[in-house]
Amino acid sequence: MRRPLACRSQQAHARGLAIGLENDAEQATGLVGDVDRILVESCLAEGWCGLTAPFRQAGKPVFAIEYVAHGTSLADICREARRFGLSAQLKRRELDAWSRPCWRVRAQTIGR
């Protein structure tokens, strides 16, 4: 998979665009050089956020979406996300406009 992705990445970058990976953290080590960010879903609830380490070590963004359906609290998600260095938010499975991002929680805490 690296070869086609590398080609797409070069084409995107030549046009000033970024390219990302979604829910494929198992291949993070091999693909981190070709993509600019990774989006992962339910890695905190399912316990595999550690696989995003190559992106974090390369200084690339890791966006984590966790779902209300898993029954975890926003405070728990944000605490775990900080531990892994993730930019996380809580969403509904429908992926509608409703969102509870950790960066708002952190900003509110810092502002107190």
N, C-alpha and C. Protein backbone atom coordinates (compact mmCIF):
# COMPACT_ATOMS: atom_id res chain seq x y z
N MET A 1 0.82 -1.19 0.00
CA MET A 1 0.00 0.00 0.00
C MET A 1 0.87 1.26 0.00
N ARG A 2 2.09 1.18 0.48
CA ARG A 2 2.91 2.37 0.60
C ARG A 2 3.16 3.04 -0.75
N ARG A 3 3.41 2.27 -1.78
CA ARG A 3 3.76 2.85 -3.07
C ARG A 3 2.64 3.73 -3.64
N PRO A 4 1.39 3.26 -3.74
CA PRO A 4 0.32 4.13 -4.24
C PRO A 4 0.10 5.34 -3.32
N LEU A 5 0.20 5.13 -2.01
CA LEU A 5 0.01 6.23 -1.08
C LEU A 5 1.13 7.26 -1.22
N ALA A 6 2.34 6.81 -1.40
CA ALA A 6 3.47 7.72 -1.58
C ALA A 6 3.26 8.58 -2.82
N CYS A 7 2.77 7.99 -3.88
CA CYS A 7 2.51 8.72 -5.12
C CYS A 7 1.42 9.77 -4.90
N ARG A 8 0.33 9.36 -4.24
CA ARG A 8 -0.76 10.30 -3.95
C ARG A 8 -0.27 11.43 -3.04
N SER A 9 0.55 11.07 -2.08
CA SER A 9 1.08 12.06 -1.15
C SER A 9 1.93 13.08 -1.89
N GLN A 10 2.79 12.63 -2.77
CA GLN A 10 3.63 13.54 -3.54
C GLN A 10 2.78 14.47 -4.40
N GLN A 11 1.74 13.91 -5.02
CA GLN A 11 0.86 14.73 -5.85
C GLN A 11 0.11 15.77 -5.02
N ALA A 12 -0.37 15.36 -3.85
CA ALA A 12 -1.09 16.29 -2.97
C ALA A 12 -0.16 17.40 -2.49
N HIS A 13 1.02 17.02 -2.04
CA HIS A 13 1.97 18.00 -1.53
C HIS A 13 2.42 18.97 -2.62
N ALA A 14 2.57 18.49 -3.85
CA ALA A 14 2.94 19.35 -4.96
C ALA A 14 1.89 20.43 -5.23
N ARG A 15 0.65 20.14 -4.81
CA ARG A 15 -0.46 21.09 -4.99
C ARG A 15 -0.75 21.89 -3.72
N GLY A 16 0.11 21.74 -2.73
CA GLY A 16 -0.08 22.47 -1.49
C GLY A 16 -1.14 21.88 -0.59
N LEU A 17 -1.47 20.62 -0.81
CA LEU A 17 -2.49 19.94 -0.01
C LEU A 17 -1.87 18.99 0.99
N ALA A 18 -2.60 18.69 2.01
CA ALA A 18 -2.16 17.70 3.01
C ALA A 18 -2.89 16.40 2.75
N ILE A 19 -2.32 15.33 3.23
CA ILE A 19 -2.94 14.02 3.08
C ILE A 19 -2.93 13.33 4.45
N GLY A 20 -4.01 12.63 4.74
CA GLY A 20 -4.13 12.00 6.05
C GLY A 20 -4.49 10.53 5.96
N LEU A 21 -4.34 9.90 7.09
CA LEU A 21 -4.64 8.48 7.25
C LEU A 21 -5.81 8.38 8.22
N GLU A 22 -6.70 7.45 7.97
CA GLU A 22 -7.85 7.28 8.87
C GLU A 22 -7.96 5.84 9.31
N ASN A 23 -7.96 5.65 10.63
CA ASN A 23 -8.18 4.34 11.24
C ASN A 23 -7.27 3.25 10.69
N ASP A 24 -6.03 3.55 10.49
CA ASP A 24 -5.08 2.56 9.99
C ASP A 24 -3.78 2.65 10.78
N ALA A 25 -3.93 2.74 12.08
CA ALA A 25 -2.76 2.93 12.95
C ALA A 25 -1.81 1.75 12.91
N GLU A 26 -2.29 0.58 12.50
CA GLU A 26 -1.41 -0.59 12.42
C GLU A 26 -0.28 -0.35 11.42
N GLN A 27 -0.53 0.50 10.43
CA GLN A 27 0.49 0.78 9.42
C GLN A 27 1.19 2.12 9.65
N ALA A 28 1.00 2.72 10.81
CA ALA A 28 1.53 4.05 11.08
C ALA A 28 3.03 4.13 10.86
N THR A 29 3.76 3.14 11.33
CA THR A 29 5.22 3.18 11.20
C THR A 29 5.65 3.27 9.74
N GLY A 30 5.03 2.50 8.88
CA GLY A 30 5.41 2.49 7.47
C GLY A 30 4.89 3.66 6.67
N LEU A 31 3.84 4.32 7.16
CA LEU A 31 3.20 5.37 6.37
C LEU A 31 3.42 6.78 6.89
N VAL A 32 4.00 6.91 8.07
CA VAL A 32 4.14 8.23 8.69
C VAL A 32 4.92 9.21 7.83
N GLY A 33 5.84 8.73 7.03
CA GLY A 33 6.61 9.62 6.16
C GLY A 33 5.82 10.15 4.99
N ASP A 34 4.70 9.51 4.65
CA ASP A 34 3.93 9.90 3.48
C ASP A 34 2.69 10.73 3.79
N VAL A 35 2.23 10.71 5.03
CA VAL A 35 1.00 11.43 5.36
C VAL A 35 1.26 12.48 6.44
N ASP A 36 0.36 13.44 6.51
CA ASP A 36 0.55 14.59 7.38
C ASP A 36 -0.16 14.49 8.72
N ARG A 37 -1.16 13.65 8.82
CA ARG A 37 -1.92 13.50 10.06
C ARG A 37 -2.64 12.16 10.05
N ILE A 38 -3.14 11.78 11.23
CA ILE A 38 -3.94 10.56 11.32
C ILE A 38 -5.19 10.86 12.14
N LEU A 39 -6.30 10.30 11.73
CA LEU A 39 -7.56 10.37 12.45
C LEU A 39 -7.89 8.96 12.90
N VAL A 40 -8.16 8.81 14.20
CA VAL A 40 -8.50 7.49 14.73
C VAL A 40 -9.82 7.58 15.47
N GLU A 41 -10.58 6.51 15.40
CA GLU A 41 -11.86 6.44 16.09
C GLU A 41 -11.82 5.32 17.12
N SER A 42 -12.25 5.65 18.33
CA SER A 42 -12.40 4.69 19.43
C SER A 42 -11.10 4.06 19.90
N CYS A 43 -9.97 4.68 19.64
CA CYS A 43 -8.71 4.07 20.09
C CYS A 43 -8.60 4.09 21.61
N LEU A 44 -9.17 5.09 22.26
CA LEU A 44 -9.13 5.13 23.73
C LEU A 44 -10.03 4.04 24.30
N ALA A 45 -11.24 3.94 23.78
CA ALA A 45 -12.19 2.94 24.27
C ALA A 45 -11.71 1.52 24.00
N GLU A 46 -11.02 1.34 22.88
CA GLU A 46 -10.58 0.00 22.48
C GLU A 46 -9.13 -0.30 22.86
N GLY A 47 -8.42 0.69 23.37
CA GLY A 47 -7.08 0.46 23.91
C GLY A 47 -5.93 0.35 22.92
N TRP A 48 -6.03 0.97 21.75
CA TRP A 48 -4.94 0.86 20.79
C TRP A 48 -4.32 2.20 20.39
N CYS A 49 -4.49 3.24 21.21
CA CYS A 49 -3.93 4.55 20.89
C CYS A 49 -2.40 4.54 20.82
N GLY A 50 -1.78 3.61 21.49
CA GLY A 50 -0.33 3.51 21.44
C GLY A 50 0.22 3.33 20.03
N LEU A 51 -0.60 2.78 19.14
CA LEU A 51 -0.17 2.57 17.75
C LEU A 51 0.05 3.88 17.00
N THR A 52 -0.44 4.99 17.55
CA THR A 52 -0.27 6.28 16.89
C THR A 52 1.07 6.92 17.22
N ALA A 53 1.88 6.27 18.03
CA ALA A 53 3.16 6.82 18.47
C ALA A 53 4.05 7.33 17.33
N PRO A 54 4.15 6.64 16.19
CA PRO A 54 5.02 7.18 15.14
C PRO A 54 4.62 8.58 14.68
N PHE A 55 3.33 8.86 14.67
CA PHE A 55 2.89 10.20 14.28
C PHE A 55 3.24 11.23 15.34
N ARG A 56 3.02 10.87 16.58
CA ARG A 56 3.34 11.79 17.67
C ARG A 56 4.84 12.04 17.72
N GLN A 57 5.63 11.01 17.55
CA GLN A 57 7.09 11.16 17.58
C GLN A 57 7.60 12.01 16.41
N ALA A 58 6.87 11.98 15.30
CA ALA A 58 7.25 12.79 14.13
C ALA A 58 6.68 14.21 14.23
N GLY A 59 5.95 14.50 15.31
CA GLY A 59 5.37 15.83 15.49
C GLY A 59 4.16 16.08 14.61
N LYS A 60 3.51 15.00 14.18
CA LYS A 60 2.33 15.13 13.31
C LYS A 60 1.06 14.97 14.14
N PRO A 61 -0.01 15.67 13.76
CA PRO A 61 -1.25 15.62 14.53
C PRO A 61 -1.91 14.25 14.53
N VAL A 62 -2.46 13.91 15.69
CA VAL A 62 -3.27 12.71 15.85
C VAL A 62 -4.61 13.17 16.39
N PHE A 63 -5.65 13.03 15.59
CA PHE A 63 -7.00 13.41 15.98
C PHE A 63 -7.77 12.16 16.38
N ALA A 64 -8.34 12.19 17.58
CA ALA A 64 -9.07 11.03 18.09
C ALA A 64 -10.53 11.38 18.28
N ILE A 65 -11.40 10.54 17.75
CA ILE A 65 -12.84 10.67 17.95
C ILE A 65 -13.26 9.50 18.84
N GLU A 66 -13.93 9.82 19.93
CA GLU A 66 -14.50 8.80 20.80
C GLU A 66 -16.01 9.00 20.79
N TYR A 67 -16.75 7.93 21.03
CA TYR A 67 -18.20 7.98 20.90
C TYR A 67 -18.93 7.86 22.22
N VAL A 68 -20.02 8.63 22.33
CA VAL A 68 -20.87 8.62 23.51
C VAL A 68 -21.35 7.20 23.80
N ALA A 69 -21.61 6.44 22.77
CA ALA A 69 -22.14 5.08 22.91
C ALA A 69 -21.25 4.18 23.76
N HIS A 70 -19.99 4.50 23.86
CA HIS A 70 -19.09 3.68 24.67
C HIS A 70 -19.25 3.93 26.16
N GLY A 71 -20.05 4.94 26.53
CA GLY A 71 -20.39 5.17 27.92
C GLY A 71 -19.30 5.78 28.78
N THR A 72 -18.32 6.40 28.19
CA THR A 72 -17.25 7.02 28.96
C THR A 72 -17.51 8.52 29.09
N SER A 73 -16.95 9.14 30.07
CA SER A 73 -17.18 10.57 30.29
C SER A 73 -16.16 11.41 29.52
N LEU A 74 -16.52 12.65 29.28
CA LEU A 74 -15.62 13.57 28.59
C LEU A 74 -14.34 13.77 29.40
N ALA A 75 -14.48 13.88 30.71
CA ALA A 75 -13.30 14.06 31.56
C ALA A 75 -12.33 12.88 31.43
N ASP A 76 -12.87 11.66 31.40
CA ASP A 76 -12.02 10.47 31.25
C ASP A 76 -11.33 10.46 29.89
N ILE A 77 -12.09 10.78 28.85
CA ILE A 77 -11.53 10.80 27.51
C ILE A 77 -10.40 11.82 27.42
N CYS A 78 -10.65 13.00 27.94
CA CYS A 78 -9.65 14.07 27.84
C CYS A 78 -8.40 13.75 28.65
N ARG A 79 -8.57 13.15 29.79
CA ARG A 79 -7.42 12.77 30.61
C ARG A 79 -6.56 11.74 29.86
N GLU A 80 -7.21 10.73 29.30
CA GLU A 80 -6.47 9.70 28.56
C GLU A 80 -5.86 10.27 27.28
N ALA A 81 -6.59 11.14 26.61
CA ALA A 81 -6.07 11.74 25.37
C ALA A 81 -4.80 12.54 25.66
N ARG A 82 -4.79 13.29 26.75
CA ARG A 82 -3.59 14.06 27.12
C ARG A 82 -2.42 13.12 27.40
N ARG A 83 -2.72 11.99 28.02
CA ARG A 83 -1.67 11.02 28.33
C ARG A 83 -0.99 10.52 27.05
N PHE A 84 -1.77 10.38 25.99
CA PHE A 84 -1.24 9.90 24.72
C PHE A 84 -0.84 11.04 23.77
N GLY A 85 -1.09 12.28 24.16
CA GLY A 85 -0.75 13.41 23.29
C GLY A 85 -1.68 13.54 22.10
N LEU A 86 -2.95 13.21 22.28
CA LEU A 86 -3.94 13.24 21.20
C LEU A 86 -4.81 14.48 21.28
N SER A 87 -5.30 14.92 20.16
CA SER A 87 -6.33 15.94 20.09
C SER A 87 -7.64 15.17 19.97
N ALA A 88 -8.45 15.16 21.04
CA ALA A 88 -9.61 14.28 21.08
C ALA A 88 -10.92 15.04 21.26
N GLN A 89 -11.99 14.38 20.84
CA GLN A 89 -13.32 14.90 21.09
C GLN A 89 -14.32 13.76 21.17
N LEU A 90 -15.39 14.04 21.87
CA LEU A 90 -16.48 13.09 22.04
C LEU A 90 -17.56 13.42 21.02
N LYS A 91 -18.05 12.42 20.32
CA LYS A 91 -19.08 12.61 19.29
C LYS A 91 -20.16 11.54 19.46
N ARG A 92 -21.27 11.77 18.79
CA ARG A 92 -22.31 10.73 18.67
C ARG A 92 -22.00 9.92 17.42
N ARG A 93 -22.42 8.68 17.42
CA ARG A 93 -22.17 7.78 16.27
C ARG A 93 -22.70 8.33 14.97
N GLU A 94 -23.76 9.13 15.04
CA GLU A 94 -24.36 9.69 13.82
C GLU A 94 -23.44 10.70 13.14
N LEU A 95 -22.40 11.14 13.86
CA LEU A 95 -21.46 12.14 13.37
C LEU A 95 -22.17 13.41 12.91
N ASP A 96 -23.17 13.80 13.70
CA ASP A 96 -23.85 15.06 13.44
C ASP A 96 -23.00 16.20 14.00
N ALA A 97 -23.57 17.38 14.13
CA ALA A 97 -22.80 18.54 14.57
C ALA A 97 -22.43 18.51 16.05
N TRP A 98 -23.08 17.70 16.85
CA TRP A 98 -22.81 17.64 18.28
C TRP A 98 -21.39 17.17 18.53
N SER A 99 -20.69 17.89 19.40
CA SER A 99 -19.29 17.56 19.68
C SER A 99 -18.91 18.13 21.04
N ARG A 100 -18.08 17.40 21.76
CA ARG A 100 -17.51 17.86 23.02
C ARG A 100 -15.99 17.67 22.93
N PRO A 101 -15.29 18.69 22.44
CA PRO A 101 -13.83 18.57 22.26
C PRO A 101 -13.07 18.78 23.56
N CYS A 102 -11.98 18.09 23.69
CA CYS A 102 -11.12 18.23 24.87
C CYS A 102 -10.47 19.60 24.95
N TRP A 103 -10.20 20.23 23.82
CA TRP A 103 -9.55 21.53 23.87
C TRP A 103 -10.44 22.56 24.55
N ARG A 104 -11.75 22.42 24.50
CA ARG A 104 -12.63 23.32 25.25
C ARG A 104 -12.55 23.04 26.74
N VAL A 105 -12.47 21.78 27.11
CA VAL A 105 -12.36 21.41 28.51
C VAL A 105 -11.07 21.99 29.08
N ARG A 106 -10.01 21.85 28.35
CA ARG A 106 -8.70 22.35 28.81
C ARG A 106 -8.71 23.87 28.90
N ALA A 107 -9.30 24.55 27.92
CA ALA A 107 -9.35 26.01 27.93
C ALA A 107 -10.17 26.50 29.13
N GLN A 108 -11.26 25.83 29.43
CA GLN A 108 -12.09 26.22 30.57
C GLN A 108 -11.33 26.00 31.87
N THR A 109 -10.58 24.94 31.96
CA THR A 109 -9.81 24.64 33.17
C THR A 109 -8.69 25.66 33.36
N ILE A 110 -8.00 26.00 32.29
CA ILE A 110 -6.90 26.96 32.36
C ILE A 110 -7.42 28.34 32.72
N GLY A 111 -8.59 28.69 32.23
CA GLY A 111 -9.15 30.01 32.48
C GLY A 111 -9.63 30.25 33.90
N ARG A 112 -9.71 29.23 34.71
CA ARG A 112 -10.23 29.37 36.09
C ARG A 112 -9.19 29.91 37.02
